[in-house]
Amino acid sequence: MAKKQKTQEVEVPVVETPIVETPKPKVKVEPKKPTWEIKDRLYYLKNGQTPLSYIIKSSDIYHFDEEKGYERELKYTKNQKTVFVDEMKGDQRLEHVVFRNGALFVPKNKTVLQKLLSLYHPLRDKLFYEYKPSEEASVQIDQLEMQADAILAARNMDLSTAEAVMRVELGSKVSKMSSAELKRDLLVFATRNPSLLLELAEDENVHLRNFGIKAVEFGILKISNDQRTFLWGSNDRKLMNVPFEEHPYSALAAWFKTDEGMEIYANIEKQLK
């Protein structure tokens, strides 16, 4: 009888698959920009005030700290490195903050005072402000562009609109002006008060107010001595009452848009031609 051969079991080695970690992208860390620029700063009292000397409060004032959620007392001193009283150490020697002829120059080494005036003082931008040339240049650019727009609008304005706009500025004097005088004064007005000219040029009621004033000047309409009632010039028949505290010609312009007012407007327009 043949002997059975033993089958040998061969162990197959287990090969572990290495885990390859995906490298994480490197996050570029941007250097933090300084929150306070070290430089000389200049401050002015608002509204062009120029007293010989003006002392602003430098103690018993408070700033609401949004991060901490409460008001913190402020004080400007000679010997402390902060304006926050709760951060001060030792004695506190109070220092006055004085504007001379409406201005205060603070050199760059006095950052504590600068921060008080520029960041924390409750009267900043109310009583005084920091002079910032770049911001002032931006404001001046806006003003000059508005002035240019107003001058262009004035140049392209027809005489009827020009009369309506300038009547707001000059009143009944407009009726006696030549077209050249009217155009000249319109351009001067555009230079001096560009925002008002642009506002009036786009105001749909300015023509109606001018129309009403002309109707009164020509005697087609009358306005009572108390400026509260408009009447027909021919028979004193009442047309409308002016609402309380409203300008009479603004009220008349609004009334011209009503059904009754539109009929009266058409009637007056025929008489003015």
C-alpha atoms as a PDB file:
ATOM      1  CA  MET A   1       0.000   0.000   0.000  1.00  0.00           C
ATOM      2  CA  ALA A   2       1.469   3.266  -1.120  1.00  0.00           C
ATOM      3  CA  LYS A   3       2.162   5.801   1.532  1.00  0.00           C
ATOM      4  CA  LYS A   4       0.355   9.144   1.198  1.00  0.00           C
ATOM      5  CA  GLN A   5       2.704  12.043   0.699  1.00  0.00           C
ATOM      6  CA  LYS A   6       2.254  14.894   3.097  1.00  0.00           C
ATOM      7  CA  THR A   7       1.438  18.176   1.418  1.00  0.00           C
ATOM      8  CA  GLN A   8       3.522  20.933   2.746  1.00  0.00           C
ATOM      9  CA  GLU A   9       1.762  24.170   3.560  1.00  0.00           C
ATOM     10  CA  VAL A  10       3.683  27.089   2.238  1.00  0.00           C
ATOM     11  CA  GLU A  11       3.221  30.294   4.149  1.00  0.00           C
ATOM     12  CA  VAL A  12       2.659  33.234   1.831  1.00  0.00           C
ATOM     13  CA  PRO A  13       4.221  36.314   3.308  1.00  0.00           C
ATOM     14  CA  VAL A  14       1.774  39.183   3.842  1.00  0.00           C
ATOM     15  CA  VAL A  15       3.070  42.338   2.251  1.00  0.00           C
ATOM     16  CA  GLU A  16       1.727  45.428   3.964  1.00  0.00           C
ATOM     17  CA  THR A  17       0.865  48.247   1.602  1.00  0.00           C
ATOM     18  CA  PRO A  18       2.489  51.376   2.931  1.00  0.00           C
ATOM     19  CA  ILE A  19       0.104  54.223   3.644  1.00  0.00           C
ATOM     20  CA  VAL A  20       1.228  57.258   1.788  1.00  0.00           C
ATOM     21  CA  GLU A  21       0.079  60.435   3.460  1.00  0.00           C
ATOM     22  CA  THR A  22      -0.891  63.222   1.116  1.00  0.00           C
ATOM     23  CA  PRO A  23       1.241  66.174   2.007  1.00  0.00           C
ATOM     24  CA  LYS A  24      -0.828  69.061   3.295  1.00  0.00           C
ATOM     25  CA  PRO A  25      -0.481  72.220   1.271  1.00  0.00           C
ATOM     26  CA  LYS A  26       1.575  74.790   3.023  1.00  0.00           C
ATOM     27  CA  VAL A  27      -0.483  77.723   4.155  1.00  0.00           C
ATOM     28  CA  LYS A  28       1.296  80.915   3.452  1.00  0.00           C
ATOM     29  CA  VAL A  29       1.269  82.967   6.591  1.00  0.00           C
ATOM     30  CA  GLU A  30       0.922  86.603   5.747  1.00  0.00           C
ATOM     31  CA  PRO A  31       2.827  88.864   8.044  1.00  0.00           C
ATOM     32  CA  LYS A  32       0.508  90.875  10.220  1.00  0.00           C
ATOM     33  CA  LYS A  33       0.253  94.443   9.175  1.00  0.00           C
ATOM     34  CA  PRO A  34       0.942  96.917  11.939  1.00  0.00           C
ATOM     35  CA  THR A  35      -2.293  98.229  13.389  1.00  0.00           C
ATOM     36  CA  TRP A  36      -0.812 101.621  14.175  1.00  0.00           C
ATOM     37  CA  GLU A  37       1.364 103.634  11.833  1.00  0.00           C
ATOM     38  CA  ILE A  38       4.176 105.468  13.548  1.00  0.00           C
ATOM     39  CA  LYS A  39       4.144 108.994  12.159  1.00  0.00           C
ATOM     40  CA  ASP A  40       3.608 112.628  13.087  1.00  0.00           C
ATOM     41  CA  ARG A  41      -0.051 113.603  13.261  1.00  0.00           C
ATOM     42  CA  LEU A  42      -1.929 116.897  13.087  1.00  0.00           C
ATOM     43  CA  TYR A  43      -5.313 117.647  14.614  1.00  0.00           C
ATOM     44  CA  TYR A  44      -7.726 120.551  14.079  1.00  0.00           C
ATOM     45  CA  LEU A  45     -10.785 121.857  15.883  1.00  0.00           C
ATOM     46  CA  LYS A  46     -13.893 121.447  13.746  1.00  0.00           C
ATOM     47  CA  ASN A  47     -15.836 124.199  11.969  1.00  0.00           C
ATOM     48  CA  GLY A  48     -12.688 126.278  11.471  1.00  0.00           C
ATOM     49  CA  GLN A  49     -12.438 127.285  15.133  1.00  0.00           C
ATOM     50  CA  THR A  50      -9.132 129.014  15.900  1.00  0.00           C
ATOM     51  CA  PRO A  51      -9.072 130.174  19.548  1.00  0.00           C
ATOM     52  CA  LEU A  52      -5.688 131.130  20.958  1.00  0.00           C
ATOM     53  CA  SER A  53      -5.838 128.063  23.199  1.00  0.00           C
ATOM     54  CA  TYR A  54      -8.447 125.385  23.765  1.00  0.00           C
ATOM     55  CA  ILE A  55      -8.088 122.607  26.338  1.00  0.00           C
ATOM     56  CA  ILE A  56     -10.018 119.403  25.703  1.00  0.00           C
ATOM     57  CA  LYS A  57     -10.836 116.924  28.439  1.00  0.00           C
ATOM     58  CA  SER A  58      -8.075 114.427  29.110  1.00  0.00           C
ATOM     59  CA  SER A  59      -9.600 112.697  32.172  1.00  0.00           C
ATOM     60  CA  ASP A  60     -13.020 111.546  33.399  1.00  0.00           C
ATOM     61  CA  ILE A  61     -13.803 110.399  29.860  1.00  0.00           C
ATOM     62  CA  TYR A  62     -14.819 106.935  28.707  1.00  0.00           C
ATOM     63  CA  HIS A  63     -14.516 104.678  25.684  1.00  0.00           C
ATOM     64  CA  PHE A  64     -16.776 101.691  25.039  1.00  0.00           C
ATOM     65  CA  ASP A  65     -14.572  98.648  24.397  1.00  0.00           C
ATOM     66  CA  GLU A  66     -16.523  96.324  22.085  1.00  0.00           C
ATOM     67  CA  GLU A  67     -14.198  93.369  22.722  1.00  0.00           C
ATOM     68  CA  LYS A  68     -14.524  93.616  26.486  1.00  0.00           C
ATOM     69  CA  GLY A  69     -18.135  94.711  26.390  1.00  0.00           C
ATOM     70  CA  TYR A  70     -17.972  97.658  28.786  1.00  0.00           C
ATOM     71  CA  GLU A  71     -16.883 101.262  29.088  1.00  0.00           C
ATOM     72  CA  ARG A  72     -13.299 101.936  30.099  1.00  0.00           C
ATOM     73  CA  GLU A  73     -12.070 105.083  31.755  1.00  0.00           C
ATOM     74  CA  LEU A  74      -9.501 107.132  29.853  1.00  0.00           C
ATOM     75  CA  LYS A  75      -6.835 109.486  31.142  1.00  0.00           C
ATOM     76  CA  TYR A  76      -3.822 111.108  29.477  1.00  0.00           C
ATOM     77  CA  THR A  77      -0.790 111.237  31.761  1.00  0.00           C
ATOM     78  CA  LYS A  78       2.900 112.114  31.554  1.00  0.00           C
ATOM     79  CA  ASN A  79       4.205 108.891  33.053  1.00  0.00           C
ATOM     80  CA  GLN A  80       1.970 106.075  31.758  1.00  0.00           C
ATOM     81  CA  LYS A  81       2.226 103.975  28.590  1.00  0.00           C
ATOM     82  CA  THR A  82      -1.519 103.675  28.155  1.00  0.00           C
ATOM     83  CA  VAL A  83      -4.618 105.840  28.278  1.00  0.00           C
ATOM     84  CA  PHE A  84      -6.726 103.121  29.895  1.00  0.00           C
ATOM     85  CA  VAL A  85      -6.911 103.668  33.645  1.00  0.00           C
ATOM     86  CA  ASP A  86      -7.402  99.942  34.333  1.00  0.00           C
ATOM     87  CA  GLU A  87      -3.996  99.242  32.728  1.00  0.00           C
ATOM     88  CA  MET A  88      -2.070 101.949  34.558  1.00  0.00           C
ATOM     89  CA  LYS A  89       0.473 101.193  37.272  1.00  0.00           C
ATOM     90  CA  GLY A  90       1.644 103.500  40.026  1.00  0.00           C
ATOM     91  CA  ASP A  91       0.956 107.201  40.286  1.00  0.00           C
ATOM     92  CA  GLN A  92      -0.744 109.066  37.452  1.00  0.00           C
ATOM     93  CA  ARG A  93       0.448 112.549  36.544  1.00  0.00           C
ATOM     94  CA  LEU A  94      -2.296 114.169  34.486  1.00  0.00           C
ATOM     95  CA  GLU A  95      -1.273 116.033  31.308  1.00  0.00           C
ATOM     96  CA  HIS A  96      -3.377 118.734  29.577  1.00  0.00           C
ATOM     97  CA  VAL A  97      -4.233 118.472  25.873  1.00  0.00           C
ATOM     98  CA  VAL A  98      -4.147 121.982  24.394  1.00  0.00           C
ATOM     99  CA  PHE A  99      -5.008 123.153  20.875  1.00  0.00           C
ATOM    100  CA  ARG A 100      -3.205 126.365  19.864  1.00  0.00           C
ATOM    101  CA  ASN A 101      -4.937 128.545  17.257  1.00  0.00           C
ATOM    102  CA  GLY A 102      -7.247 125.630  16.526  1.00  0.00           C
ATOM    103  CA  ALA A 103      -4.474 123.096  15.843  1.00  0.00           C
ATOM    104  CA  LEU A 104      -2.448 120.495  17.719  1.00  0.00           C
ATOM    105  CA  PHE A 105       0.696 118.859  16.343  1.00  0.00           C
ATOM    106  CA  VAL A 106       1.570 115.522  17.982  1.00  0.00           C
ATOM    107  CA  PRO A 107       4.993 114.050  17.065  1.00  0.00           C
ATOM    108  CA  LYS A 108       5.378 110.357  16.313  1.00  0.00           C
ATOM    109  CA  ASN A 109       7.046 109.576  19.644  1.00  0.00           C
ATOM    110  CA  LYS A 110       3.835 110.520  21.508  1.00  0.00           C
ATOM    111  CA  THR A 111       1.802 107.526  20.380  1.00  0.00           C
ATOM    112  CA  VAL A 112      -0.223 107.402  23.605  1.00  0.00           C
ATOM    113  CA  LEU A 113      -1.639 110.870  22.971  1.00  0.00           C
ATOM    114  CA  GLN A 114      -2.129 110.091  19.284  1.00  0.00           C
ATOM    115  CA  LYS A 115      -4.164 106.976  20.077  1.00  0.00           C
ATOM    116  CA  LEU A 116      -6.263 108.899  22.577  1.00  0.00           C
ATOM    117  CA  LEU A 117      -7.109 111.521  19.959  1.00  0.00           C
ATOM    118  CA  SER A 118      -7.403 109.257  16.903  1.00  0.00           C
ATOM    119  CA  LEU A 119      -9.052 106.158  18.385  1.00  0.00           C
ATOM    120  CA  TYR A 120     -10.633 106.582  21.783  1.00  0.00           C
ATOM    121  CA  HIS A 121     -11.570 110.145  22.704  1.00  0.00           C
ATOM    122  CA  PRO A 122     -15.389 110.545  22.761  1.00  0.00           C
ATOM    123  CA  LEU A 123     -15.178 113.976  21.080  1.00  0.00           C
ATOM    124  CA  ARG A 124     -13.102 112.900  18.072  1.00  0.00           C
ATOM    125  CA  ASP A 125     -14.779 113.895  14.797  1.00  0.00           C
ATOM    126  CA  LYS A 126     -17.242 115.944  16.856  1.00  0.00           C
ATOM    127  CA  LEU A 127     -15.094 118.657  18.430  1.00  0.00           C
ATOM    128  CA  PHE A 128     -11.817 117.931  16.619  1.00  0.00           C
ATOM    129  CA  TYR A 129     -10.495 115.686  13.849  1.00  0.00           C
ATOM    130  CA  GLU A 130      -7.245 114.226  12.579  1.00  0.00           C
ATOM    131  CA  TYR A 131      -5.955 115.805   9.394  1.00  0.00           C
ATOM    132  CA  LYS A 132      -5.500 113.070   6.771  1.00  0.00           C
ATOM    133  CA  PRO A 133      -4.136 114.401   3.476  1.00  0.00           C
ATOM    134  CA  SER A 134      -5.153 111.338   1.426  1.00  0.00           C
ATOM    135  CA  GLU A 135      -8.751 111.475   2.653  1.00  0.00           C
ATOM    136  CA  GLU A 136      -8.896 115.232   2.136  1.00  0.00           C
ATOM    137  CA  ALA A 137      -7.613 114.793  -1.425  1.00  0.00           C
ATOM    138  CA  SER A 138     -10.329 112.210  -2.058  1.00  0.00           C
ATOM    139  CA  VAL A 139     -13.004 114.603  -0.777  1.00  0.00           C
ATOM    140  CA  GLN A 140     -11.607 117.410  -2.918  1.00  0.00           C
ATOM    141  CA  ILE A 141     -11.676 115.164  -5.989  1.00  0.00           C
ATOM    142  CA  ASP A 142     -15.353 114.382  -5.329  1.00  0.00           C
ATOM    143  CA  GLN A 143     -16.114 118.093  -4.947  1.00  0.00           C
ATOM    144  CA  LEU A 144     -14.263 119.014  -8.132  1.00  0.00           C
ATOM    145  CA  GLU A 145     -16.001 116.257 -10.106  1.00  0.00           C
ATOM    146  CA  MET A 146     -19.375 117.430  -8.799  1.00  0.00           C
ATOM    147  CA  GLN A 147     -18.501 120.990  -9.772  1.00  0.00           C
ATOM    148  CA  ALA A 148     -17.529 119.823 -13.267  1.00  0.00           C
ATOM    149  CA  ASP A 149     -20.847 117.924 -13.584  1.00  0.00           C
ATOM    150  CA  ALA A 150     -22.778 121.007 -12.438  1.00  0.00           C
ATOM    151  CA  ILE A 151     -20.981 123.309 -14.905  1.00  0.00           C
ATOM    152  CA  LEU A 152     -21.640 120.856 -17.739  1.00  0.00           C
ATOM    153  CA  ALA A 153     -25.315 120.649 -16.740  1.00  0.00           C
ATOM    154  CA  ALA A 154     -25.502 124.457 -16.641  1.00  0.00           C
ATOM    155  CA  ARG A 155     -23.914 124.770 -20.101  1.00  0.00           C
ATOM    156  CA  ASN A 156     -26.409 122.326 -21.613  1.00  0.00           C
ATOM    157  CA  MET A 157     -29.459 123.697 -19.778  1.00  0.00           C
ATOM    158  CA  ASP A 158     -32.200 125.337 -21.830  1.00  0.00           C
ATOM    159  CA  LEU A 159     -33.306 128.855 -20.870  1.00  0.00           C
ATOM    160  CA  SER A 160     -36.632 127.700 -19.458  1.00  0.00           C
ATOM    161  CA  THR A 161     -34.951 125.304 -17.012  1.00  0.00           C
ATOM    162  CA  ALA A 162     -32.220 127.851 -16.261  1.00  0.00           C
ATOM    163  CA  GLU A 163     -34.878 130.413 -15.347  1.00  0.00           C
ATOM    164  CA  ALA A 164     -36.658 127.907 -13.110  1.00  0.00           C
ATOM    165  CA  VAL A 165     -33.424 126.944 -11.336  1.00  0.00           C
ATOM    166  CA  MET A 166     -32.153 130.490 -10.878  1.00  0.00           C
ATOM    167  CA  ARG A 167     -35.504 131.716  -9.596  1.00  0.00           C
ATOM    168  CA  VAL A 168     -34.887 129.534  -6.551  1.00  0.00           C
ATOM    169  CA  GLU A 169     -31.592 131.389  -6.023  1.00  0.00           C
ATOM    170  CA  LEU A 170     -32.503 134.927  -7.137  1.00  0.00           C
ATOM    171  CA  GLY A 171     -36.294 135.184  -6.868  1.00  0.00           C
ATOM    172  CA  SER A 172     -38.252 137.641  -9.019  1.00  0.00           C
ATOM    173  CA  LYS A 173     -35.021 139.323 -10.178  1.00  0.00           C
ATOM    174  CA  VAL A 174     -34.813 136.583 -12.826  1.00  0.00           C
ATOM    175  CA  SER A 175     -37.719 138.085 -14.771  1.00  0.00           C
ATOM    176  CA  LYS A 176     -35.674 141.229 -15.555  1.00  0.00           C
ATOM    177  CA  MET A 177     -32.487 139.412 -16.617  1.00  0.00           C
ATOM    178  CA  SER A 178     -31.312 138.966 -20.196  1.00  0.00           C
ATOM    179  CA  SER A 179     -30.502 135.468 -21.438  1.00  0.00           C
ATOM    180  CA  ALA A 180     -26.757 136.267 -21.239  1.00  0.00           C
ATOM    181  CA  GLU A 181     -27.089 137.461 -17.636  1.00  0.00           C
ATOM    182  CA  LEU A 182     -29.118 134.394 -16.765  1.00  0.00           C
ATOM    183  CA  LYS A 183     -26.539 132.040 -18.304  1.00  0.00           C
ATOM    184  CA  ARG A 184     -23.667 133.828 -16.553  1.00  0.00           C
ATOM    185  CA  ASP A 185     -25.330 133.651 -13.142  1.00  0.00           C
ATOM    186  CA  LEU A 186     -26.236 130.012 -13.732  1.00  0.00           C
ATOM    187  CA  LEU A 187     -22.567 129.121 -14.360  1.00  0.00           C
ATOM    188  CA  VAL A 188     -21.488 131.068 -11.260  1.00  0.00           C
ATOM    189  CA  PHE A 189     -24.171 129.238  -9.247  1.00  0.00           C
ATOM    190  CA  ALA A 190     -22.887 125.896 -10.588  1.00  0.00           C
ATOM    191  CA  THR A 191     -19.380 126.779  -9.419  1.00  0.00           C
ATOM    192  CA  ARG A 192     -20.406 127.973  -5.960  1.00  0.00           C
ATOM    193  CA  ASN A 193     -23.080 125.427  -5.108  1.00  0.00           C
ATOM    194  CA  PRO A 194     -22.834 122.478  -7.520  1.00  0.00           C
ATOM    195  CA  SER A 195     -24.806 120.025  -5.368  1.00  0.00           C
ATOM    196  CA  LEU A 196     -27.836 122.348  -5.146  1.00  0.00           C
ATOM    197  CA  LEU A 197     -27.782 123.100  -8.860  1.00  0.00           C
ATOM    198  CA  LEU A 198     -27.721 119.388  -9.733  1.00  0.00           C
ATOM    199  CA  GLU A 199     -30.505 118.732  -7.243  1.00  0.00           C
ATOM    200  CA  LEU A 200     -32.683 121.518  -8.684  1.00  0.00           C
ATOM    201  CA  ALA A 201     -31.960 120.435 -12.256  1.00  0.00           C
ATOM    202  CA  GLU A 202     -33.385 116.981 -11.466  1.00  0.00           C
ATOM    203  CA  ASP A 203     -36.323 118.276  -9.391  1.00  0.00           C
ATOM    204  CA  GLU A 204     -39.489 117.783 -11.395  1.00  0.00           C
ATOM    205  CA  ASN A 205     -41.292 120.417  -9.308  1.00  0.00           C
ATOM    206  CA  VAL A 206     -38.843 123.242 -10.020  1.00  0.00           C
ATOM    207  CA  HIS A 207     -40.570 124.017 -13.341  1.00  0.00           C
ATOM    208  CA  LEU A 208     -43.982 123.975 -11.708  1.00  0.00           C
ATOM    209  CA  ARG A 209     -42.824 126.318  -8.921  1.00  0.00           C
ATOM    210  CA  ASN A 210     -41.383 128.697 -11.529  1.00  0.00           C
ATOM    211  CA  PHE A 211     -44.614 128.465 -13.518  1.00  0.00           C
ATOM    212  CA  GLY A 212     -46.651 129.405 -10.438  1.00  0.00           C
ATOM    213  CA  ILE A 213     -44.383 132.351  -9.579  1.00  0.00           C
ATOM    214  CA  LYS A 214     -44.663 133.689 -13.144  1.00  0.00           C
ATOM    215  CA  ALA A 215     -48.437 133.335 -13.004  1.00  0.00           C
ATOM    216  CA  VAL A 216     -48.489 135.520  -9.877  1.00  0.00           C
ATOM    217  CA  GLU A 217     -46.018 138.036 -11.368  1.00  0.00           C
ATOM    218  CA  PHE A 218     -48.227 138.415 -14.457  1.00  0.00           C
ATOM    219  CA  GLY A 219     -51.348 138.836 -12.313  1.00  0.00           C
ATOM    220  CA  ILE A 220     -53.013 135.673 -13.557  1.00  0.00           C
ATOM    221  CA  LEU A 221     -52.982 134.329 -10.021  1.00  0.00           C
ATOM    222  CA  LYS A 222     -52.888 136.087  -6.669  1.00  0.00           C
ATOM    223  CA  ILE A 223     -51.515 134.998  -3.338  1.00  0.00           C
ATOM    224  CA  SER A 224     -53.014 136.302  -0.089  1.00  0.00           C
ATOM    225  CA  ASN A 225     -51.004 138.547   2.222  1.00  0.00           C
ATOM    226  CA  ASP A 226     -50.541 135.710   4.709  1.00  0.00           C
ATOM    227  CA  GLN A 227     -49.167 133.487   1.883  1.00  0.00           C
ATOM    228  CA  ARG A 228     -51.748 130.790   2.707  1.00  0.00           C
ATOM    229  CA  THR A 229     -54.230 131.068  -0.210  1.00  0.00           C
ATOM    230  CA  PHE A 230     -54.003 131.249  -4.021  1.00  0.00           C
ATOM    231  CA  LEU A 231     -56.784 133.033  -5.936  1.00  0.00           C
ATOM    232  CA  TRP A 232     -57.680 133.892  -9.519  1.00  0.00           C
ATOM    233  CA  GLY A 233     -56.313 137.324 -10.379  1.00  0.00           C
ATOM    234  CA  SER A 234     -59.416 138.356 -12.342  1.00  0.00           C
ATOM    235  CA  ASN A 235     -62.140 137.668  -9.783  1.00  0.00           C
ATOM    236  CA  ASP A 236     -60.390 136.674  -6.517  1.00  0.00           C
ATOM    237  CA  ARG A 237     -61.974 133.221  -6.650  1.00  0.00           C
ATOM    238  CA  LYS A 238     -60.111 130.903  -4.274  1.00  0.00           C
ATOM    239  CA  LEU A 239     -58.207 128.100  -5.969  1.00  0.00           C
ATOM    240  CA  MET A 240     -56.400 126.380  -3.117  1.00  0.00           C
ATOM    241  CA  ASN A 241     -55.243 126.701   0.492  1.00  0.00           C
ATOM    242  CA  VAL A 242     -51.584 126.164   1.345  1.00  0.00           C
ATOM    243  CA  PRO A 243     -51.094 123.383   3.930  1.00  0.00           C
ATOM    244  CA  PHE A 244     -49.671 124.485   7.275  1.00  0.00           C
ATOM    245  CA  GLU A 245     -45.847 124.899   7.388  1.00  0.00           C
ATOM    246  CA  GLU A 246     -45.486 124.186   3.655  1.00  0.00           C
ATOM    247  CA  HIS A 247     -43.843 126.579   1.210  1.00  0.00           C
ATOM    248  CA  PRO A 248     -46.649 128.221  -0.834  1.00  0.00           C
ATOM    249  CA  TYR A 249     -45.126 127.665  -4.272  1.00  0.00           C
ATOM    250  CA  SER A 250     -44.124 124.093  -3.456  1.00  0.00           C
ATOM    251  CA  ALA A 251     -47.730 123.461  -2.434  1.00  0.00           C
ATOM    252  CA  LEU A 252     -48.966 125.110  -5.645  1.00  0.00           C
ATOM    253  CA  ALA A 253     -46.586 122.936  -7.722  1.00  0.00           C
ATOM    254  CA  ALA A 254     -48.002 119.798  -6.072  1.00  0.00           C
ATOM    255  CA  TRP A 255     -51.549 121.052  -6.628  1.00  0.00           C
ATOM    256  CA  PHE A 256     -50.896 121.538 -10.350  1.00  0.00           C
ATOM    257  CA  LYS A 257     -50.521 117.734 -10.547  1.00  0.00           C
ATOM    258  CA  THR A 258     -54.082 117.106  -9.329  1.00  0.00           C
ATOM    259  CA  ASP A 259     -57.035 116.809 -11.738  1.00  0.00           C
ATOM    260  CA  GLU A 260     -58.334 120.276 -10.855  1.00  0.00           C
ATOM    261  CA  GLY A 261     -54.848 121.749 -10.880  1.00  0.00           C
ATOM    262  CA  MET A 262     -54.037 120.364 -14.328  1.00  0.00           C
ATOM    263  CA  GLU A 263     -57.037 122.217 -15.784  1.00  0.00           C
ATOM    264  CA  ILE A 264     -55.939 125.473 -14.145  1.00  0.00           C
ATOM    265  CA  TYR A 265     -52.364 124.873 -15.350  1.00  0.00           C
ATOM    266  CA  ALA A 266     -53.564 124.507 -18.961  1.00  0.00           C
ATOM    267  CA  ASN A 267     -55.614 127.695 -18.652  1.00  0.00           C
ATOM    268  CA  ILE A 268     -52.657 129.696 -17.240  1.00  0.00           C
ATOM    269  CA  GLU A 269     -50.301 128.269 -19.890  1.00  0.00           C
ATOM    270  CA  LYS A 270     -52.521 129.726 -22.642  1.00  0.00           C
ATOM    271  CA  GLN A 271     -52.500 133.153 -20.988  1.00  0.00           C
ATOM    272  CA  LEU A 272     -48.715 133.165 -20.565  1.00  0.00           C
ATOM    273  CA  LYS A 273     -48.074 132.499 -24.259  1.00  0.00           C
END
